[in-house]
Amino acid sequence: MTQIQFSLAQLAETLGAELRGDAQKVIYAVATLQDATSDQLSFLANAQYRKHLDDSQAG
């Protein structure tokens, strides 16, 4: 299985997002707020999961 990776700079450019942080940091996967590690991206799409933001290790 091929692993796809993106730098935060690449992701921000593709998404038209404002980058805050290390532009060279590499992201390898997307995971839930609860399960994400520092090299994974996560997002909040439902307010009921807001309680997990402070403890999330997402990169």
N, C-alpha and C. Protein backbone atom coordinates (compact mmCIF):
# COMPACT_ATOMS: atom_id res chain seq x y z
N MET A 1 0.84 -1.18 0.00
CA MET A 1 0.00 0.00 0.00
C MET A 1 0.89 1.24 0.00
N THR A 2 0.59 2.18 -0.87
CA THR A 2 1.34 3.42 -0.96
C THR A 2 0.86 4.41 0.08
N GLN A 3 1.82 4.99 0.79
CA GLN A 3 1.46 5.99 1.79
C GLN A 3 1.62 7.38 1.18
N ILE A 4 0.59 8.17 1.27
CA ILE A 4 0.62 9.53 0.75
C ILE A 4 0.96 10.46 1.90
N GLN A 5 1.81 11.43 1.63
CA GLN A 5 2.15 12.40 2.65
C GLN A 5 2.15 13.80 2.06
N PHE A 6 1.83 14.77 2.89
CA PHE A 6 1.78 16.17 2.48
C PHE A 6 2.40 17.03 3.56
N SER A 7 3.08 18.08 3.17
CA SER A 7 3.53 19.06 4.15
C SER A 7 2.34 19.97 4.45
N LEU A 8 2.40 20.63 5.60
CA LEU A 8 1.33 21.56 5.92
C LEU A 8 1.25 22.68 4.90
N ALA A 9 2.39 23.09 4.34
CA ALA A 9 2.38 24.12 3.30
C ALA A 9 1.60 23.65 2.08
N GLN A 10 1.79 22.40 1.67
CA GLN A 10 1.06 21.86 0.52
C GLN A 10 -0.43 21.80 0.80
N LEU A 11 -0.79 21.34 1.98
CA LEU A 11 -2.21 21.25 2.35
C LEU A 11 -2.86 22.63 2.40
N ALA A 12 -2.19 23.58 3.01
CA ALA A 12 -2.74 24.94 3.11
C ALA A 12 -2.94 25.55 1.73
N GLU A 13 -1.97 25.35 0.84
CA GLU A 13 -2.10 25.89 -0.51
C GLU A 13 -3.25 25.24 -1.26
N THR A 14 -3.36 23.93 -1.16
CA THR A 14 -4.42 23.20 -1.85
C THR A 14 -5.80 23.60 -1.35
N LEU A 15 -5.91 23.79 -0.04
CA LEU A 15 -7.20 24.10 0.58
C LEU A 15 -7.50 25.60 0.62
N GLY A 16 -6.52 26.41 0.28
CA GLY A 16 -6.71 27.86 0.39
C GLY A 16 -6.83 28.30 1.83
N ALA A 17 -6.10 27.62 2.71
CA ALA A 17 -6.19 27.87 4.14
C ALA A 17 -5.02 28.73 4.63
N GLU A 18 -5.23 29.40 5.74
CA GLU A 18 -4.16 30.15 6.39
C GLU A 18 -3.34 29.19 7.23
N LEU A 19 -2.04 29.18 7.03
CA LEU A 19 -1.16 28.27 7.76
C LEU A 19 -0.63 28.94 9.01
N ARG A 20 -0.74 28.24 10.11
CA ARG A 20 -0.15 28.68 11.38
C ARG A 20 0.70 27.53 11.87
N GLY A 21 1.97 27.74 11.99
CA GLY A 21 2.85 26.68 12.46
C GLY A 21 3.92 26.35 11.45
N ASP A 22 4.51 25.18 11.62
CA ASP A 22 5.64 24.73 10.81
C ASP A 22 5.18 24.27 9.43
N ALA A 23 5.50 25.04 8.42
CA ALA A 23 5.07 24.73 7.05
C ALA A 23 5.67 23.44 6.52
N GLN A 24 6.80 23.01 7.08
CA GLN A 24 7.48 21.81 6.61
C GLN A 24 6.99 20.53 7.29
N LYS A 25 6.18 20.66 8.33
CA LYS A 25 5.67 19.48 9.04
C LYS A 25 4.91 18.59 8.06
N VAL A 26 5.18 17.29 8.13
CA VAL A 26 4.57 16.33 7.21
C VAL A 26 3.41 15.61 7.90
N ILE A 27 2.30 15.52 7.19
CA ILE A 27 1.10 14.83 7.66
C ILE A 27 0.95 13.55 6.84
N TYR A 28 0.72 12.43 7.53
CA TYR A 28 0.64 11.12 6.88
C TYR A 28 -0.76 10.54 6.81
N ALA A 29 -1.69 11.08 7.61
CA ALA A 29 -3.03 10.47 7.65
C ALA A 29 -4.02 11.44 8.29
N VAL A 30 -5.28 11.09 8.20
CA VAL A 30 -6.36 11.80 8.88
C VAL A 30 -6.93 10.85 9.92
N ALA A 31 -7.21 11.36 11.11
CA ALA A 31 -7.75 10.52 12.18
C ALA A 31 -8.74 11.34 13.01
N THR A 32 -9.45 10.66 13.88
CA THR A 32 -10.38 11.36 14.77
C THR A 32 -9.61 12.22 15.76
N LEU A 33 -10.28 13.20 16.33
CA LEU A 33 -9.63 14.04 17.34
C LEU A 33 -9.08 13.20 18.49
N GLN A 34 -9.81 12.17 18.87
CA GLN A 34 -9.40 11.34 20.00
C GLN A 34 -8.20 10.46 19.67
N ASP A 35 -8.07 10.01 18.43
CA ASP A 35 -7.05 9.03 18.06
C ASP A 35 -5.84 9.60 17.33
N ALA A 36 -5.93 10.83 16.87
CA ALA A 36 -4.86 11.40 16.04
C ALA A 36 -3.56 11.55 16.82
N THR A 37 -2.46 11.34 16.10
CA THR A 37 -1.12 11.56 16.64
C THR A 37 -0.54 12.81 16.00
N SER A 38 0.67 13.17 16.37
CA SER A 38 1.26 14.43 15.91
C SER A 38 1.53 14.47 14.41
N ASP A 39 1.53 13.33 13.73
CA ASP A 39 1.74 13.34 12.28
C ASP A 39 0.45 13.04 11.51
N GLN A 40 -0.68 13.24 12.19
CA GLN A 40 -1.98 13.05 11.57
C GLN A 40 -2.81 14.32 11.69
N LEU A 41 -3.67 14.52 10.74
CA LEU A 41 -4.55 15.69 10.70
C LEU A 41 -5.94 15.27 11.18
N SER A 42 -6.62 16.19 11.84
CA SER A 42 -8.00 15.94 12.26
C SER A 42 -8.80 17.21 12.04
N PHE A 43 -10.10 17.12 12.22
CA PHE A 43 -10.95 18.29 12.04
C PHE A 43 -12.19 18.15 12.91
N LEU A 44 -12.83 19.27 13.14
CA LEU A 44 -14.05 19.31 13.94
C LEU A 44 -15.21 19.68 13.04
N ALA A 45 -16.11 18.74 12.81
CA ALA A 45 -17.26 18.99 11.93
C ALA A 45 -18.57 18.95 12.71
N ASN A 46 -18.52 18.53 13.96
CA ASN A 46 -19.72 18.40 14.77
C ASN A 46 -19.41 18.94 16.16
N ALA A 47 -20.15 19.91 16.61
CA ALA A 47 -19.89 20.58 17.89
C ALA A 47 -19.87 19.62 19.08
N GLN A 48 -20.50 18.48 18.98
CA GLN A 48 -20.51 17.56 20.12
C GLN A 48 -19.12 16.99 20.41
N TYR A 49 -18.18 17.10 19.46
CA TYR A 49 -16.83 16.59 19.66
C TYR A 49 -15.86 17.68 20.10
N ARG A 50 -16.36 18.90 20.29
CA ARG A 50 -15.51 20.02 20.73
C ARG A 50 -14.76 19.68 22.02
N LYS A 51 -15.36 18.87 22.86
CA LYS A 51 -14.74 18.51 24.14
C LYS A 51 -13.41 17.78 23.96
N HIS A 52 -13.14 17.26 22.77
CA HIS A 52 -11.90 16.53 22.51
C HIS A 52 -10.78 17.42 21.98
N LEU A 53 -11.07 18.67 21.68
CA LEU A 53 -10.06 19.56 21.10
C LEU A 53 -8.84 19.75 22.00
N ASP A 54 -9.06 20.06 23.26
CA ASP A 54 -7.95 20.36 24.16
C ASP A 54 -7.00 19.19 24.36
N ASP A 55 -7.51 17.98 24.32
CA ASP A 55 -6.68 16.80 24.55
C ASP A 55 -6.14 16.17 23.28
N SER A 56 -6.57 16.64 22.14
CA SER A 56 -6.15 16.03 20.87
C SER A 56 -4.66 16.23 20.64
N GLN A 57 -4.01 15.20 20.12
CA GLN A 57 -2.59 15.25 19.77
C GLN A 57 -2.41 15.45 18.27
N ALA A 58 -3.48 15.77 17.57
CA ALA A 58 -3.41 15.95 16.11
C ALA A 58 -2.37 16.99 15.74
N GLY A 59 -1.65 16.71 14.64
CA GLY A 59 -0.61 17.62 14.17
C GLY A 59 -1.21 18.79 13.50
